[in-house]
Amino acid sequence: LVESGGGLVQAGGSLRLSCRTSGINFKIHRMAWYRQTPGKERDLVAAI
């Protein structure tokens, strides 16, 4: 799984993250985005 698209943005702005996958039959898999800040647990952001 390889993520891309992060960066620096001003509040109110937009970003689009992408995750390219290989090695799985992608279409049958649930995919999710998590996020984590220092000292905190990784939290679910969204899933499909």
All heavy atoms as atom14 arrays in JSON, in Angstrom:
{
  "sequence": "LVESGGGLVQAGGSLRLSCRTSGINFKIHRMAWYRQTPGKERDLVAAI",
  "atom14_mask": [
    [1, 1, 1, 1, 1, 1, 1, 1, 0, 0, 0, 0, 0, 0],
    [1, 1, 1, 1, 1, 1, 1, 0, 0, 0, 0, 0, 0, 0],
    [1, 1, 1, 1, 1, 1, 1, 1, 1, 0, 0, 0, 0, 0],
    [1, 1, 1, 1, 1, 1, 0, 0, 0, 0, 0, 0, 0, 0],
    [1, 1, 1, 1, 0, 0, 0, 0, 0, 0, 0, 0, 0, 0],
    [1, 1, 1, 1, 0, 0, 0, 0, 0, 0, 0, 0, 0, 0],
    [1, 1, 1, 1, 0, 0, 0, 0, 0, 0, 0, 0, 0, 0],
    [1, 1, 1, 1, 1, 1, 1, 1, 0, 0, 0, 0, 0, 0],
    [1, 1, 1, 1, 1, 1, 1, 0, 0, 0, 0, 0, 0, 0],
    [1, 1, 1, 1, 1, 1, 1, 1, 1, 0, 0, 0, 0, 0],
    [1, 1, 1, 1, 1, 0, 0, 0, 0, 0, 0, 0, 0, 0],
    [1, 1, 1, 1, 0, 0, 0, 0, 0, 0, 0, 0, 0, 0],
    [1, 1, 1, 1, 0, 0, 0, 0, 0, 0, 0, 0, 0, 0],
    [1, 1, 1, 1, 1, 1, 0, 0, 0, 0, 0, 0, 0, 0],
    [1, 1, 1, 1, 1, 1, 1, 1, 0, 0, 0, 0, 0, 0],
    [1, 1, 1, 1, 1, 1, 1, 1, 1, 1, 1, 0, 0, 0],
    [1, 1, 1, 1, 1, 1, 1, 1, 0, 0, 0, 0, 0, 0],
    [1, 1, 1, 1, 1, 1, 0, 0, 0, 0, 0, 0, 0, 0],
    [1, 1, 1, 1, 1, 1, 0, 0, 0, 0, 0, 0, 0, 0],
    [1, 1, 1, 1, 1, 1, 1, 1, 1, 1, 1, 0, 0, 0],
    [1, 1, 1, 1, 1, 1, 1, 0, 0, 0, 0, 0, 0, 0],
    [1, 1, 1, 1, 1, 1, 0, 0, 0, 0, 0, 0, 0, 0],
    [1, 1, 1, 1, 0, 0, 0, 0, 0, 0, 0, 0, 0, 0],
    [1, 1, 1, 1, 1, 1, 1, 1, 0, 0, 0, 0, 0, 0],
    [1, 1, 1, 1, 1, 1, 1, 1, 0, 0, 0, 0, 0, 0],
    [1, 1, 1, 1, 1, 1, 1, 1, 1, 1, 1, 0, 0, 0],
    [1, 1, 1, 1, 1, 1, 1, 1, 1, 0, 0, 0, 0, 0],
    [1, 1, 1, 1, 1, 1, 1, 1, 0, 0, 0, 0, 0, 0],
    [1, 1, 1, 1, 1, 1, 1, 1, 1, 1, 0, 0, 0, 0],
    [1, 1, 1, 1, 1, 1, 1, 1, 1, 1, 1, 0, 0, 0],
    [1, 1, 1, 1, 1, 1, 1, 1, 0, 0, 0, 0, 0, 0],
    [1, 1, 1, 1, 1, 0, 0, 0, 0, 0, 0, 0, 0, 0],
    [1, 1, 1, 1, 1, 1, 1, 1, 1, 1, 1, 1, 1, 1],
    [1, 1, 1, 1, 1, 1, 1, 1, 1, 1, 1, 1, 0, 0],
    [1, 1, 1, 1, 1, 1, 1, 1, 1, 1, 1, 0, 0, 0],
    [1, 1, 1, 1, 1, 1, 1, 1, 1, 0, 0, 0, 0, 0],
    [1, 1, 1, 1, 1, 1, 1, 0, 0, 0, 0, 0, 0, 0],
    [1, 1, 1, 1, 1, 1, 1, 0, 0, 0, 0, 0, 0, 0],
    [1, 1, 1, 1, 0, 0, 0, 0, 0, 0, 0, 0, 0, 0],
    [1, 1, 1, 1, 1, 1, 1, 1, 1, 0, 0, 0, 0, 0],
    [1, 1, 1, 1, 1, 1, 1, 1, 1, 0, 0, 0, 0, 0],
    [1, 1, 1, 1, 1, 1, 1, 1, 1, 1, 1, 0, 0, 0],
    [1, 1, 1, 1, 1, 1, 1, 1, 0, 0, 0, 0, 0, 0],
    [1, 1, 1, 1, 1, 1, 1, 1, 0, 0, 0, 0, 0, 0],
    [1, 1, 1, 1, 1, 1, 1, 0, 0, 0, 0, 0, 0, 0],
    [1, 1, 1, 1, 1, 0, 0, 0, 0, 0, 0, 0, 0, 0],
    [1, 1, 1, 1, 1, 0, 0, 0, 0, 0, 0, 0, 0, 0],
    [1, 1, 1, 1, 1, 1, 1, 1, 0, 0, 0, 0, 0, 0]
  ],
  "atom14_positions": [
    [[0.87, -1.17, 0.0], [0.0, 0.0, 0.0], [0.9, 1.22, 0.0], [1.78, 1.33, 0.87], [-0.9, 0.02, 1.23], [-1.74, -1.23, 1.52], [-2.46, -1.09, 2.85], [-2.71, -1.48, 0.4], [0.0, 0.0, 0.0], [0.0, 0.0, 0.0], [0.0, 0.0, 0.0], [0.0, 0.0, 0.0], [0.0, 0.0, 0.0], [0.0, 0.0, 0.0]],
    [[0.69, 2.11, -0.94], [1.54, 3.29, -1.05], [0.67, 4.53, -1.11], [-0.09, 4.73, -2.07], [2.44, 3.22, -2.28], [3.32, 4.46, -2.37], [3.3, 1.96, -2.26], [0.0, 0.0, 0.0], [0.0, 0.0, 0.0], [0.0, 0.0, 0.0], [0.0, 0.0, 0.0], [0.0, 0.0, 0.0], [0.0, 0.0, 0.0], [0.0, 0.0, 0.0]],
    [[0.81, 5.37, -0.08], [0.04, 6.6, -0.03], [0.78, 7.74, -0.71], [2.01, 7.76, -0.76], [-0.24, 7.02, 1.43], [-0.97, 6.01, 2.26], [-0.05, 5.12, 3.07], [1.15, 5.0, 2.69], [-0.5, 4.53, 4.07], [0.0, 0.0, 0.0], [0.0, 0.0, 0.0], [0.0, 0.0, 0.0], [0.0, 0.0, 0.0], [0.0, 0.0, 0.0]],
    [[0.0, 8.7, -1.18], [0.56, 9.92, -1.75], [-0.45, 11.04, -1.6], [-1.63, 10.79, -1.3], [0.92, 9.72, -3.23], [-0.23, 9.4, -3.98], [0.0, 0.0, 0.0], [0.0, 0.0, 0.0], [0.0, 0.0, 0.0], [0.0, 0.0, 0.0], [0.0, 0.0, 0.0], [0.0, 0.0, 0.0], [0.0, 0.0, 0.0], [0.0, 0.0, 0.0]],
    [[0.04, 12.26, -1.79], [-0.87, 13.4, -1.83], [-0.86, 14.29, -0.6], [-1.54, 15.31, -0.58], [0.0, 0.0, 0.0], [0.0, 0.0, 0.0], [0.0, 0.0, 0.0], [0.0, 0.0, 0.0], [0.0, 0.0, 0.0], [0.0, 0.0, 0.0], [0.0, 0.0, 0.0], [0.0, 0.0, 0.0], [0.0, 0.0, 0.0], [0.0, 0.0, 0.0]],
    [[-0.11, 13.9, 0.42], [-0.05, 14.74, 1.61], [0.73, 16.02, 1.34], [1.32, 16.21, 0.28], [0.0, 0.0, 0.0], [0.0, 0.0, 0.0], [0.0, 0.0, 0.0], [0.0, 0.0, 0.0], [0.0, 0.0, 0.0], [0.0, 0.0, 0.0], [0.0, 0.0, 0.0], [0.0, 0.0, 0.0], [0.0, 0.0, 0.0], [0.0, 0.0, 0.0]],
    [[0.69, 16.91, 2.32], [1.42, 18.16, 2.17], [0.96, 19.19, 3.15], [0.26, 18.89, 4.12], [0.0, 0.0, 0.0], [0.0, 0.0, 0.0], [0.0, 0.0, 0.0], [0.0, 0.0, 0.0], [0.0, 0.0, 0.0], [0.0, 0.0, 0.0], [0.0, 0.0, 0.0], [0.0, 0.0, 0.0], [0.0, 0.0, 0.0], [0.0, 0.0, 0.0]],
    [[1.37, 20.42, 2.88], [1.02, 21.56, 3.72], [-0.1, 22.35, 3.05], [-0.01, 22.68, 1.86], [2.24, 22.45, 3.91], [2.04, 23.76, 4.67], [1.65, 23.49, 6.11], [3.32, 24.61, 4.6], [0.0, 0.0, 0.0], [0.0, 0.0, 0.0], [0.0, 0.0, 0.0], [0.0, 0.0, 0.0], [0.0, 0.0, 0.0], [0.0, 0.0, 0.0]],
    [[-1.13, 22.66, 3.82], [-2.27, 23.39, 3.27], [-2.8, 24.32, 4.35], [-2.71, 24.03, 5.54], [-3.36, 22.41, 2.79], [-3.91, 21.59, 3.94], [-4.46, 23.13, 2.04], [0.0, 0.0, 0.0], [0.0, 0.0, 0.0], [0.0, 0.0, 0.0], [0.0, 0.0, 0.0], [0.0, 0.0, 0.0], [0.0, 0.0, 0.0], [0.0, 0.0, 0.0]],
    [[-3.36, 25.43, 3.92], [-3.95, 26.36, 4.87], [-5.32, 25.87, 5.32], [-6.02, 25.14, 4.58], [-4.1, 27.74, 4.24], [-2.78, 28.51, 4.14], [-3.01, 29.96, 3.81], [-3.9, 30.3, 3.04], [-2.17, 30.83, 4.37], [0.0, 0.0, 0.0], [0.0, 0.0, 0.0], [0.0, 0.0, 0.0], [0.0, 0.0, 0.0], [0.0, 0.0, 0.0]],
    [[-5.69, 26.27, 6.5], [-7.02, 25.92, 7.01], [-8.08, 26.4, 6.02], [-8.0, 27.5, 5.47], [-7.24, 26.56, 8.37], [0.0, 0.0, 0.0], [0.0, 0.0, 0.0], [0.0, 0.0, 0.0], [0.0, 0.0, 0.0], [0.0, 0.0, 0.0], [0.0, 0.0, 0.0], [0.0, 0.0, 0.0], [0.0, 0.0, 0.0], [0.0, 0.0, 0.0]],
    [[-9.06, 25.53, 5.8], [-10.1, 25.81, 4.83], [-9.81, 25.27, 3.45], [-10.7, 25.24, 2.59], [0.0, 0.0, 0.0], [0.0, 0.0, 0.0], [0.0, 0.0, 0.0], [0.0, 0.0, 0.0], [0.0, 0.0, 0.0], [0.0, 0.0, 0.0], [0.0, 0.0, 0.0], [0.0, 0.0, 0.0], [0.0, 0.0, 0.0], [0.0, 0.0, 0.0]],
    [[-8.58, 24.84, 3.24], [-8.18, 24.31, 1.94], [-8.51, 22.85, 1.77], [-9.2, 22.24, 2.61], [0.0, 0.0, 0.0], [0.0, 0.0, 0.0], [0.0, 0.0, 0.0], [0.0, 0.0, 0.0], [0.0, 0.0, 0.0], [0.0, 0.0, 0.0], [0.0, 0.0, 0.0], [0.0, 0.0, 0.0], [0.0, 0.0, 0.0], [0.0, 0.0, 0.0]],
    [[-8.01, 22.3, 0.68], [-8.31, 20.91, 0.32], [-7.04, 20.15, -0.04], [-6.06, 20.74, -0.51], [-9.26, 20.86, -0.88], [-10.49, 21.48, -0.58], [0.0, 0.0, 0.0], [0.0, 0.0, 0.0], [0.0, 0.0, 0.0], [0.0, 0.0, 0.0], [0.0, 0.0, 0.0], [0.0, 0.0, 0.0], [0.0, 0.0, 0.0], [0.0, 0.0, 0.0]],
    [[-7.1, 18.86, 0.17], [-6.07, 17.94, -0.29], [-6.75, 16.65, -0.71], [-7.81, 16.29, -0.19], [-5.06, 17.62, 0.82], [-3.93, 18.59, 1.1], [-3.12, 18.11, 2.3], [-3.03, 18.79, -0.1], [0.0, 0.0, 0.0], [0.0, 0.0, 0.0], [0.0, 0.0, 0.0], [0.0, 0.0, 0.0], [0.0, 0.0, 0.0], [0.0, 0.0, 0.0]],
    [[-6.1, 15.95, -1.62], [-6.61, 14.65, -2.04], [-5.5, 13.62, -1.85], [-4.42, 13.73, -2.45], [-7.05, 14.67, -3.5], [-7.7, 13.37, -3.94], [-8.21, 13.49, -5.37], [-8.85, 12.27, -5.84], [-10.13, 11.98, -5.65], [-10.9, 12.83, -5.01], [-10.64, 10.84, -6.1], [0.0, 0.0, 0.0], [0.0, 0.0, 0.0], [0.0, 0.0, 0.0]],
    [[-5.77, 12.65, -0.99], [-4.83, 11.57, -0.76], [-5.21, 10.38, -1.64], [-6.39, 10.13, -1.89], [-4.85, 11.14, 0.7], [-4.65, 12.22, 1.75], [-4.64, 11.59, 3.14], [-3.38, 13.0, 1.5], [0.0, 0.0, 0.0], [0.0, 0.0, 0.0], [0.0, 0.0, 0.0], [0.0, 0.0, 0.0], [0.0, 0.0, 0.0], [0.0, 0.0, 0.0]],
    [[-4.19, 9.67, -2.08], [-4.41, 8.45, -2.85], [-3.58, 7.31, -2.26], [-2.52, 7.53, -1.69], [-4.02, 8.67, -4.31], [-4.91, 9.55, -4.94], [0.0, 0.0, 0.0], [0.0, 0.0, 0.0], [0.0, 0.0, 0.0], [0.0, 0.0, 0.0], [0.0, 0.0, 0.0], [0.0, 0.0, 0.0], [0.0, 0.0, 0.0], [0.0, 0.0, 0.0]],
    [[-4.1, 6.12, -2.43], [-3.4, 4.92, -1.97], [-3.43, 3.91, -3.11], [-4.51, 3.46, -3.51], [-4.07, 4.36, -0.73], [-3.42, 2.78, -0.17], [0.0, 0.0, 0.0], [0.0, 0.0, 0.0], [0.0, 0.0, 0.0], [0.0, 0.0, 0.0], [0.0, 0.0, 0.0], [0.0, 0.0, 0.0], [0.0, 0.0, 0.0], [0.0, 0.0, 0.0]],
    [[-2.26, 3.61, -3.58], [-2.13, 2.62, -4.66], [-1.82, 1.27, -4.02], [-0.96, 1.19, -3.16], [-1.03, 3.05, -5.6], [-0.72, 2.09, -6.72], [0.24, 2.73, -7.73], [1.39, 3.32, -7.08], [2.5, 2.65, -6.76], [2.58, 1.36, -6.98], [3.53, 3.28, -6.2], [0.0, 0.0, 0.0], [0.0, 0.0, 0.0], [0.0, 0.0, 0.0]],
    [[-2.51, 0.24, -4.46], [-2.32, -1.09, -3.86], [-1.82, -2.08, -4.89], [-2.02, -1.91, -6.1], [-3.62, -1.62, -3.25], [-4.51, -2.03, -4.3], [-4.3, -0.57, -2.38], [0.0, 0.0, 0.0], [0.0, 0.0, 0.0], [0.0, 0.0, 0.0], [0.0, 0.0, 0.0], [0.0, 0.0, 0.0], [0.0, 0.0, 0.0], [0.0, 0.0, 0.0]],
    [[-1.2, -3.12, -4.39], [-0.8, -4.26, -5.22], [-0.75, -5.49, -4.33], [-0.65, -5.4, -3.1], [0.56, -4.01, -5.88], [1.56, -3.82, -4.9], [0.0, 0.0, 0.0], [0.0, 0.0, 0.0], [0.0, 0.0, 0.0], [0.0, 0.0, 0.0], [0.0, 0.0, 0.0], [0.0, 0.0, 0.0], [0.0, 0.0, 0.0], [0.0, 0.0, 0.0]],
    [[-0.89, -6.64, -4.97], [-0.79, -7.9, -4.23], [-2.09, -8.41, -3.66], [-2.1, -9.44, -2.97], [0.0, 0.0, 0.0], [0.0, 0.0, 0.0], [0.0, 0.0, 0.0], [0.0, 0.0, 0.0], [0.0, 0.0, 0.0], [0.0, 0.0, 0.0], [0.0, 0.0, 0.0], [0.0, 0.0, 0.0], [0.0, 0.0, 0.0], [0.0, 0.0, 0.0]],
    [[-3.18, -7.7, -3.9], [-4.49, -8.14, -3.41], [-5.51, -8.05, -4.54], [-5.31, -7.31, -5.51], [-5.0, -7.29, -2.22], [-5.06, -5.8, -2.59], [-4.14, -7.52, -1.0], [-5.72, -4.92, -1.55], [0.0, 0.0, 0.0], [0.0, 0.0, 0.0], [0.0, 0.0, 0.0], [0.0, 0.0, 0.0], [0.0, 0.0, 0.0], [0.0, 0.0, 0.0]],
    [[-6.58, -8.8, -4.39], [-7.71, -8.66, -5.31], [-8.52, -7.47, -4.83], [-9.49, -7.6, -4.1], [-8.53, -9.94, -5.3], [-9.65, -9.9, -6.32], [-9.78, -8.95, -7.1], [-10.46, -10.93, -6.33], [0.0, 0.0, 0.0], [0.0, 0.0, 0.0], [0.0, 0.0, 0.0], [0.0, 0.0, 0.0], [0.0, 0.0, 0.0], [0.0, 0.0, 0.0]],
    [[-8.08, -6.31, -5.24], [-8.54, -5.05, -4.65], [-10.05, -4.95, -4.55], [-10.59, -4.5, -3.54], [-8.0, -3.89, -5.48], [-8.41, -2.54, -4.97], [-7.72, -1.93, -3.93], [-9.49, -1.87, -5.54], [-8.1, -0.69, -3.46], [-9.88, -0.63, -5.09], [-9.18, -0.03, -4.04], [0.0, 0.0, 0.0], [0.0, 0.0, 0.0], [0.0, 0.0, 0.0]],
    [[-10.76, -5.37, -5.58], [-12.19, -5.1, -5.66], [-13.0, -5.78, -4.56], [-14.14, -5.4, -4.32], [-12.74, -5.48, -7.03], [-12.65, -6.96, -7.33], [-13.16, -7.23, -8.75], [-13.07, -8.71, -9.09], [-13.51, -8.97, -10.48], [0.0, 0.0, 0.0], [0.0, 0.0, 0.0], [0.0, 0.0, 0.0], [0.0, 0.0, 0.0], [0.0, 0.0, 0.0]],
    [[-12.45, -6.76, -3.89], [-13.21, -7.45, -2.86], [-12.85, -6.98, -1.46], [-13.42, -7.45, -0.47], [-13.03, -8.99, -2.92], [-11.6, -9.38, -2.54], [-13.42, -9.51, -4.29], [-11.43, -10.88, -2.37], [0.0, 0.0, 0.0], [0.0, 0.0, 0.0], [0.0, 0.0, 0.0], [0.0, 0.0, 0.0], [0.0, 0.0, 0.0], [0.0, 0.0, 0.0]],
    [[-11.92, -6.02, -1.38], [-11.42, -5.61, -0.08], [-12.05, -4.32, 0.42], [-12.22, -3.36, -0.33], [-9.91, -5.42, -0.13], [-9.15, -6.7, -0.1], [-8.65, -7.24, 1.05], [-8.84, -7.55, -1.1], [-8.05, -8.38, 0.77], [-8.15, -8.59, -0.53], [0.0, 0.0, 0.0], [0.0, 0.0, 0.0], [0.0, 0.0, 0.0], [0.0, 0.0, 0.0]],
    [[-12.36, -4.31, 1.68], [-12.67, -3.07, 2.38], [-11.37, -2.3, 2.54], [-10.33, -2.86, 2.91], [-13.25, -3.37, 3.76], [-13.49, -2.13, 4.64], [-13.96, -2.58, 6.01], [-14.22, -1.49, 6.93], [-13.31, -0.96, 7.74], [-12.07, -1.4, 7.72], [-13.64, 0.02, 8.57], [0.0, 0.0, 0.0], [0.0, 0.0, 0.0], [0.0, 0.0, 0.0]],
    [[-11.42, -1.02, 2.23], [-10.25, -0.16, 2.34], [-10.55, 0.97, 3.33], [-11.7, 1.42, 3.43], [-9.89, 0.45, 0.98], [-9.58, -0.57, -0.1], [-8.14, -1.58, 0.27], [-6.86, -0.33, 0.44], [0.0, 0.0, 0.0], [0.0, 0.0, 0.0], [0.0, 0.0, 0.0], [0.0, 0.0, 0.0], [0.0, 0.0, 0.0], [0.0, 0.0, 0.0]],
    [[-9.53, 1.41, 4.01], [-9.75, 2.44, 5.01], [-8.58, 3.41, 5.08], [-7.46, 3.1, 4.68], [-9.97, 1.81, 6.39], [0.0, 0.0, 0.0], [0.0, 0.0, 0.0], [0.0, 0.0, 0.0], [0.0, 0.0, 0.0], [0.0, 0.0, 0.0], [0.0, 0.0, 0.0], [0.0, 0.0, 0.0], [0.0, 0.0, 0.0], [0.0, 0.0, 0.0]],
    [[-8.89, 4.59, 5.58], [-7.9, 5.61, 5.9], [-7.93, 5.83, 7.42], [-9.0, 6.0, 8.0], [-8.18, 6.92, 5.19], [-7.87, 6.91, 3.73], [-8.73, 6.67, 2.71], [-6.6, 7.16, 3.14], [-8.08, 6.75, 1.52], [-6.76, 7.06, 1.75], [-5.33, 7.47, 3.64], [-5.71, 7.24, 0.85], [-4.29, 7.66, 2.75], [-4.48, 7.54, 1.37]],
    [[-6.75, 5.84, 7.99], [-6.58, 6.15, 9.41], [-5.65, 7.36, 9.52], [-4.95, 7.7, 8.57], [-5.94, 4.98, 10.16], [-6.86, 3.83, 10.43], [-7.25, 2.96, 9.42], [-7.33, 3.58, 11.72], [-8.09, 1.89, 9.67], [-8.16, 2.51, 11.99], [-8.54, 1.67, 10.96], [-9.36, 0.61, 11.23], [0.0, 0.0, 0.0], [0.0, 0.0, 0.0]],
    [[-5.65, 7.96, 10.68], [-4.69, 9.03, 10.92], [-4.17, 8.95, 12.34], [-4.82, 8.41, 13.24], [-5.29, 10.4, 10.65], [-6.41, 10.83, 11.58], [-7.01, 12.15, 11.08], [-8.09, 12.63, 11.94], [-8.85, 13.67, 11.64], [-8.67, 14.33, 10.49], [-9.8, 14.06, 12.47], [0.0, 0.0, 0.0], [0.0, 0.0, 0.0], [0.0, 0.0, 0.0]],
    [[-2.98, 9.51, 12.5], [-2.32, 9.42, 13.79], [-1.48, 10.67, 14.03], [-0.8, 11.16, 13.13], [-1.42, 8.18, 13.84], [-0.8, 7.91, 15.19], [-0.06, 6.58, 15.19], [0.43, 6.11, 14.17], [0.01, 5.95, 16.36], [0.0, 0.0, 0.0], [0.0, 0.0, 0.0], [0.0, 0.0, 0.0], [0.0, 0.0, 0.0], [0.0, 0.0, 0.0]],
    [[-1.56, 11.16, 15.27], [-0.7, 12.27, 15.7], [0.22, 11.74, 16.79], [-0.08, 10.73, 17.43], [-1.53, 13.45, 16.2], [-2.42, 13.0, 17.24], [-2.34, 14.06, 15.08], [0.0, 0.0, 0.0], [0.0, 0.0, 0.0], [0.0, 0.0, 0.0], [0.0, 0.0, 0.0], [0.0, 0.0, 0.0], [0.0, 0.0, 0.0], [0.0, 0.0, 0.0]],
    [[1.34, 12.41, 17.0], [2.32, 11.92, 17.97], [1.71, 11.67, 19.35], [0.99, 12.52, 19.89], [3.36, 13.03, 18.01], [3.29, 13.65, 16.67], [1.83, 13.6, 16.29], [0.0, 0.0, 0.0], [0.0, 0.0, 0.0], [0.0, 0.0, 0.0], [0.0, 0.0, 0.0], [0.0, 0.0, 0.0], [0.0, 0.0, 0.0], [0.0, 0.0, 0.0]],
    [[2.0, 10.51, 19.9], [1.54, 10.18, 21.24], [0.11, 9.69, 21.33], [-0.4, 9.42, 22.42], [0.0, 0.0, 0.0], [0.0, 0.0, 0.0], [0.0, 0.0, 0.0], [0.0, 0.0, 0.0], [0.0, 0.0, 0.0], [0.0, 0.0, 0.0], [0.0, 0.0, 0.0], [0.0, 0.0, 0.0], [0.0, 0.0, 0.0], [0.0, 0.0, 0.0]],
    [[-0.55, 9.61, 20.17], [-1.95, 9.18, 20.18], [-2.12, 7.92, 19.34], [-1.26, 7.57, 18.53], [-2.86, 10.29, 19.65], [-2.88, 11.51, 20.55], [-3.96, 12.47, 20.14], [-4.05, 13.65, 21.12], [-5.13, 14.6, 20.75], [0.0, 0.0, 0.0], [0.0, 0.0, 0.0], [0.0, 0.0, 0.0], [0.0, 0.0, 0.0], [0.0, 0.0, 0.0]],
    [[-3.25, 7.27, 19.54], [-3.54, 6.06, 18.78], [-3.94, 6.41, 17.35], [-4.37, 7.53, 17.07], [-4.68, 5.29, 19.46], [-4.3, 4.67, 20.8], [-5.39, 3.77, 21.34], [-6.47, 3.7, 20.74], [-5.15, 3.13, 22.38], [0.0, 0.0, 0.0], [0.0, 0.0, 0.0], [0.0, 0.0, 0.0], [0.0, 0.0, 0.0], [0.0, 0.0, 0.0]],
    [[-3.8, 5.43, 16.51], [-4.22, 5.59, 15.12], [-5.74, 5.45, 15.07], [-6.3, 4.44, 15.52], [-3.54, 4.52, 14.26], [-3.51, 4.8, 12.81], [-2.6, 3.82, 12.1], [-1.18, 4.08, 12.38], [-0.19, 3.45, 11.78], [-0.45, 2.53, 10.86], [1.07, 3.73, 12.07], [0.0, 0.0, 0.0], [0.0, 0.0, 0.0], [0.0, 0.0, 0.0]],
    [[-6.41, 6.43, 14.51], [-7.87, 6.46, 14.49], [-8.41, 6.32, 13.08], [-7.85, 6.88, 12.14], [-8.4, 7.77, 15.08], [-8.11, 7.9, 16.57], [-8.14, 6.88, 17.28], [-7.85, 9.04, 17.01], [0.0, 0.0, 0.0], [0.0, 0.0, 0.0], [0.0, 0.0, 0.0], [0.0, 0.0, 0.0], [0.0, 0.0, 0.0], [0.0, 0.0, 0.0]],
    [[-9.55, 5.64, 13.0], [-10.22, 5.5, 11.7], [-10.77, 6.85, 11.25], [-11.43, 7.55, 12.02], [-11.36, 4.5, 11.8], [-12.18, 4.3, 10.54], [-11.35, 3.61, 9.46], [-13.43, 3.47, 10.84], [0.0, 0.0, 0.0], [0.0, 0.0, 0.0], [0.0, 0.0, 0.0], [0.0, 0.0, 0.0], [0.0, 0.0, 0.0], [0.0, 0.0, 0.0]],
    [[-10.49, 7.19, 10.0], [-11.03, 8.41, 9.41], [-12.22, 8.08, 8.51], [-13.28, 8.67, 8.62], [-9.95, 9.14, 8.58], [-10.53, 10.35, 7.86], [-8.78, 9.54, 9.47], [0.0, 0.0, 0.0], [0.0, 0.0, 0.0], [0.0, 0.0, 0.0], [0.0, 0.0, 0.0], [0.0, 0.0, 0.0], [0.0, 0.0, 0.0], [0.0, 0.0, 0.0]],
    [[-12.02, 7.11, 7.63], [-13.07, 6.73, 6.68], [-12.77, 5.34, 6.15], [-11.61, 4.93, 6.1], [-13.14, 7.73, 5.53], [0.0, 0.0, 0.0], [0.0, 0.0, 0.0], [0.0, 0.0, 0.0], [0.0, 0.0, 0.0], [0.0, 0.0, 0.0], [0.0, 0.0, 0.0], [0.0, 0.0, 0.0], [0.0, 0.0, 0.0], [0.0, 0.0, 0.0]],
    [[-13.84, 4.66, 5.76], [-13.69, 3.33, 5.18], [-14.69, 3.15, 4.07], [-15.77, 3.77, 4.08], [-13.88, 2.26, 6.24], [0.0, 0.0, 0.0], [0.0, 0.0, 0.0], [0.0, 0.0, 0.0], [0.0, 0.0, 0.0], [0.0, 0.0, 0.0], [0.0, 0.0, 0.0], [0.0, 0.0, 0.0], [0.0, 0.0, 0.0], [0.0, 0.0, 0.0]],
    [[-14.34, 2.29, 3.12], [-15.23, 1.99, 2.01], [-15.19, 0.49, 1.78], [-14.13, -0.12, 1.66], [-14.86, 2.79, 0.75], [-15.87, 2.54, -0.36], [-13.43, 2.51, 0.3], [-15.76, 3.55, -1.51], [0.0, 0.0, 0.0], [0.0, 0.0, 0.0], [0.0, 0.0, 0.0], [0.0, 0.0, 0.0], [0.0, 0.0, 0.0], [0.0, 0.0, 0.0]]
  ]
}
